[in-house]
Amino acid sequence: TAIGNLPKHLELKTGVIAKIIDGNYGIINQDGKFVVFDVCDFWISATKTAANENLKLGDVVSPGELVCFHAALVNPRSTIPYLATSVWTEQSVQGDSMPTLINREKIHPVLHHL
């Protein structure tokens, strides 16, 4: 379902890294929809995130790079309405080892009411 014209979830989508904010946060542009993500949610293999390996975002991804992701709508009125729950490159995670979607209600209970 959707809120306004924005779907509640973006599942198995691709986008381009628009910006690395700092070592921990970045922004994905998916056809004009913006998604913020955290180093803790950037998968470098089927079993490890960048944070697990004490890596910063700039160590594992660059602006302009294509990534795959899952995201949840957290604020439909924001310029960056989505929060990624998993981000990866096609080279780092493939096939059945892809991260699973985390429903927005599991991120924070108040999101269930949006």
C-alpha atoms as a PDB file:
ATOM      1  CA  THR A   1       0.000   0.000   0.000  1.00  0.00           C
ATOM      2  CA  ALA A   2       0.991   3.651  -0.219  1.00  0.00           C
ATOM      3  CA  ILE A   3       0.846   6.929   1.664  1.00  0.00           C
ATOM      4  CA  GLY A   4      -0.044   9.649  -0.796  1.00  0.00           C
ATOM      5  CA  ASN A   5       1.854   8.630  -3.906  1.00  0.00           C
ATOM      6  CA  LEU A   6       4.733   6.999  -1.988  1.00  0.00           C
ATOM      7  CA  PRO A   7       4.780   3.239  -1.397  1.00  0.00           C
ATOM      8  CA  LYS A   8       5.275   2.188   2.242  1.00  0.00           C
ATOM      9  CA  HIS A   9       8.157  -0.083   1.229  1.00  0.00           C
ATOM     10  CA  LEU A  10      10.737  -0.204  -1.539  1.00  0.00           C
ATOM     11  CA  GLU A  11      11.772  -3.828  -1.945  1.00  0.00           C
ATOM     12  CA  LEU A  12      14.650  -5.080  -4.107  1.00  0.00           C
ATOM     13  CA  LYS A  13      15.100  -1.696  -5.756  1.00  0.00           C
ATOM     14  CA  THR A  14      18.179  -0.235  -7.392  1.00  0.00           C
ATOM     15  CA  GLY A  15      19.424   3.295  -7.073  1.00  0.00           C
ATOM     16  CA  VAL A  16      22.508   5.431  -7.356  1.00  0.00           C
ATOM     17  CA  ILE A  17      24.581   6.703  -4.451  1.00  0.00           C
ATOM     18  CA  ALA A  18      23.784  10.423  -4.532  1.00  0.00           C
ATOM     19  CA  LYS A  19      25.972  11.443  -1.608  1.00  0.00           C
ATOM     20  CA  ILE A  20      28.150  10.116   1.167  1.00  0.00           C
ATOM     21  CA  ILE A  21      27.312  12.431   4.076  1.00  0.00           C
ATOM     22  CA  ASP A  22      30.078  11.165   6.337  1.00  0.00           C
ATOM     23  CA  GLY A  23      31.646   7.844   7.304  1.00  0.00           C
ATOM     24  CA  ASN A  24      28.348   6.527   8.601  1.00  0.00           C
ATOM     25  CA  TYR A  25      25.524   7.924   6.443  1.00  0.00           C
ATOM     26  CA  GLY A  26      24.720   8.212   2.764  1.00  0.00           C
ATOM     27  CA  ILE A  27      21.844   9.009   0.420  1.00  0.00           C
ATOM     28  CA  ILE A  28      20.518   6.919  -2.470  1.00  0.00           C
ATOM     29  CA  ASN A  29      18.568   8.411  -5.380  1.00  0.00           C
ATOM     30  CA  GLN A  30      16.010   5.971  -6.748  1.00  0.00           C
ATOM     31  CA  ASP A  31      14.238   7.666  -9.639  1.00  0.00           C
ATOM     32  CA  GLY A  32      13.844  10.898  -7.685  1.00  0.00           C
ATOM     33  CA  LYS A  33      12.948   9.220  -4.385  1.00  0.00           C
ATOM     34  CA  PHE A  34      15.663   9.749  -1.773  1.00  0.00           C
ATOM     35  CA  VAL A  35      16.706   7.112   0.756  1.00  0.00           C
ATOM     36  CA  VAL A  36      19.052   7.631   3.700  1.00  0.00           C
ATOM     37  CA  PHE A  37      21.189   4.708   4.817  1.00  0.00           C
ATOM     38  CA  ASP A  38      23.640   3.835   7.572  1.00  0.00           C
ATOM     39  CA  VAL A  39      26.946   1.977   7.467  1.00  0.00           C
ATOM     40  CA  CYS A  40      25.306  -0.634   9.752  1.00  0.00           C
ATOM     41  CA  ASP A  41      22.901  -1.515   6.922  1.00  0.00           C
ATOM     42  CA  PHE A  42      25.471  -1.705   4.103  1.00  0.00           C
ATOM     43  CA  TRP A  43      26.160  -5.379   3.392  1.00  0.00           C
ATOM     44  CA  ILE A  44      29.626  -6.172   2.043  1.00  0.00           C
ATOM     45  CA  SER A  45      28.928  -9.915   1.928  1.00  0.00           C
ATOM     46  CA  ALA A  46      26.048 -12.259   2.678  1.00  0.00           C
ATOM     47  CA  THR A  47      27.038 -12.338   6.356  1.00  0.00           C
ATOM     48  CA  LYS A  48      28.810  -9.042   7.130  1.00  0.00           C
ATOM     49  CA  THR A  49      28.014  -5.354   7.071  1.00  0.00           C
ATOM     50  CA  ALA A  50      30.571  -2.599   6.613  1.00  0.00           C
ATOM     51  CA  ALA A  51      30.118  -1.701  10.292  1.00  0.00           C
ATOM     52  CA  ASN A  52      30.898  -5.314  11.306  1.00  0.00           C
ATOM     53  CA  GLU A  53      34.298  -4.855   9.670  1.00  0.00           C
ATOM     54  CA  ASN A  54      34.846  -1.327  11.100  1.00  0.00           C
ATOM     55  CA  LEU A  55      34.669   0.170   7.606  1.00  0.00           C
ATOM     56  CA  LYS A  56      33.364   3.626   6.726  1.00  0.00           C
ATOM     57  CA  LEU A  57      30.972   4.165   3.808  1.00  0.00           C
ATOM     58  CA  GLY A  58      33.707   5.806   1.736  1.00  0.00           C
ATOM     59  CA  ASP A  59      35.691   2.563   2.030  1.00  0.00           C
ATOM     60  CA  VAL A  60      32.965   0.486   0.399  1.00  0.00           C
ATOM     61  CA  VAL A  61      30.918   2.715  -1.928  1.00  0.00           C
ATOM     62  CA  SER A  62      31.246   5.952  -3.906  1.00  0.00           C
ATOM     63  CA  PRO A  63      28.842   8.563  -5.282  1.00  0.00           C
ATOM     64  CA  GLY A  64      27.474   7.482  -8.655  1.00  0.00           C
ATOM     65  CA  GLU A  65      27.716   3.782  -7.818  1.00  0.00           C
ATOM     66  CA  LEU A  66      24.685   1.555  -8.407  1.00  0.00           C
ATOM     67  CA  VAL A  67      23.330  -0.246  -5.339  1.00  0.00           C
ATOM     68  CA  CYS A  68      20.430  -2.518  -4.461  1.00  0.00           C
ATOM     69  CA  PHE A  69      18.331  -1.868  -1.372  1.00  0.00           C
ATOM     70  CA  HIS A  70      15.216  -2.347   0.723  1.00  0.00           C
ATOM     71  CA  ALA A  71      13.687   0.707   2.401  1.00  0.00           C
ATOM     72  CA  ALA A  72      10.742   1.819   4.485  1.00  0.00           C
ATOM     73  CA  LEU A  73       8.811   5.061   4.276  1.00  0.00           C
ATOM     74  CA  VAL A  74       9.425   6.964   7.520  1.00  0.00           C
ATOM     75  CA  ASN A  75       8.339  10.532   6.711  1.00  0.00           C
ATOM     76  CA  PRO A  76       6.257  11.131   3.571  1.00  0.00           C
ATOM     77  CA  ARG A  77       6.593  14.919   3.969  1.00  0.00           C
ATOM     78  CA  SER A  78      10.409  14.869   4.050  1.00  0.00           C
ATOM     79  CA  THR A  79      12.788  15.525   1.158  1.00  0.00           C
ATOM     80  CA  ILE A  80      14.327  12.162   2.118  1.00  0.00           C
ATOM     81  CA  PRO A  81      11.229  10.123   2.981  1.00  0.00           C
ATOM     82  CA  TYR A  82      12.802   6.647   3.086  1.00  0.00           C
ATOM     83  CA  LEU A  83      15.153   4.831   5.449  1.00  0.00           C
ATOM     84  CA  ALA A  84      17.063   1.900   3.979  1.00  0.00           C
ATOM     85  CA  THR A  85      16.963  -1.292   5.986  1.00  0.00           C
ATOM     86  CA  SER A  86      19.544  -3.060   3.781  1.00  0.00           C
ATOM     87  CA  VAL A  87      21.898  -1.824   1.052  1.00  0.00           C
ATOM     88  CA  TRP A  88      24.308  -3.860  -1.065  1.00  0.00           C
ATOM     89  CA  THR A  89      26.044  -4.003  -4.424  1.00  0.00           C
ATOM     90  CA  GLU A  90      25.357  -6.769  -6.918  1.00  0.00           C
ATOM     91  CA  GLN A  91      28.995  -7.825  -6.554  1.00  0.00           C
ATOM     92  CA  SER A  92      28.845  -8.177  -2.756  1.00  0.00           C
ATOM     93  CA  VAL A  93      25.567 -10.088  -2.280  1.00  0.00           C
ATOM     94  CA  GLN A  94      23.868 -12.337  -4.814  1.00  0.00           C
ATOM     95  CA  GLY A  95      20.963 -14.752  -5.199  1.00  0.00           C
ATOM     96  CA  ASP A  96      19.472 -16.359  -2.116  1.00  0.00           C
ATOM     97  CA  SER A  97      21.876 -14.570   0.212  1.00  0.00           C
ATOM     98  CA  MET A  98      20.216 -11.154  -0.288  1.00  0.00           C
ATOM     99  CA  PRO A  99      19.105  -9.399   2.895  1.00  0.00           C
ATOM    100  CA  THR A 100      15.414  -9.628   3.708  1.00  0.00           C
ATOM    101  CA  LEU A 101      12.999  -6.716   3.838  1.00  0.00           C
ATOM    102  CA  ILE A 102      12.309  -5.289   7.295  1.00  0.00           C
ATOM    103  CA  ASN A 103       8.761  -3.954   7.534  1.00  0.00           C
ATOM    104  CA  ARG A 104       8.426  -0.328   8.565  1.00  0.00           C
ATOM    105  CA  GLU A 105       6.382  -1.283  11.639  1.00  0.00           C
ATOM    106  CA  LYS A 106       9.424  -3.154  12.972  1.00  0.00           C
ATOM    107  CA  ILE A 107      11.599  -0.035  12.665  1.00  0.00           C
ATOM    108  CA  HIS A 108       9.441   1.994  15.042  1.00  0.00           C
ATOM    109  CA  PRO A 109       5.897   1.252  16.265  1.00  0.00           C
ATOM    110  CA  VAL A 110       4.653   4.778  15.528  1.00  0.00           C
ATOM    111  CA  LEU A 111       5.215   4.183  11.799  1.00  0.00           C
ATOM    112  CA  HIS A 112       2.301   1.738  11.862  1.00  0.00           C
ATOM    113  CA  HIS A 113      -0.019   4.742  12.277  1.00  0.00           C
ATOM    114  CA  LEU A 114       1.332   6.767   9.323  1.00  0.00           C
END
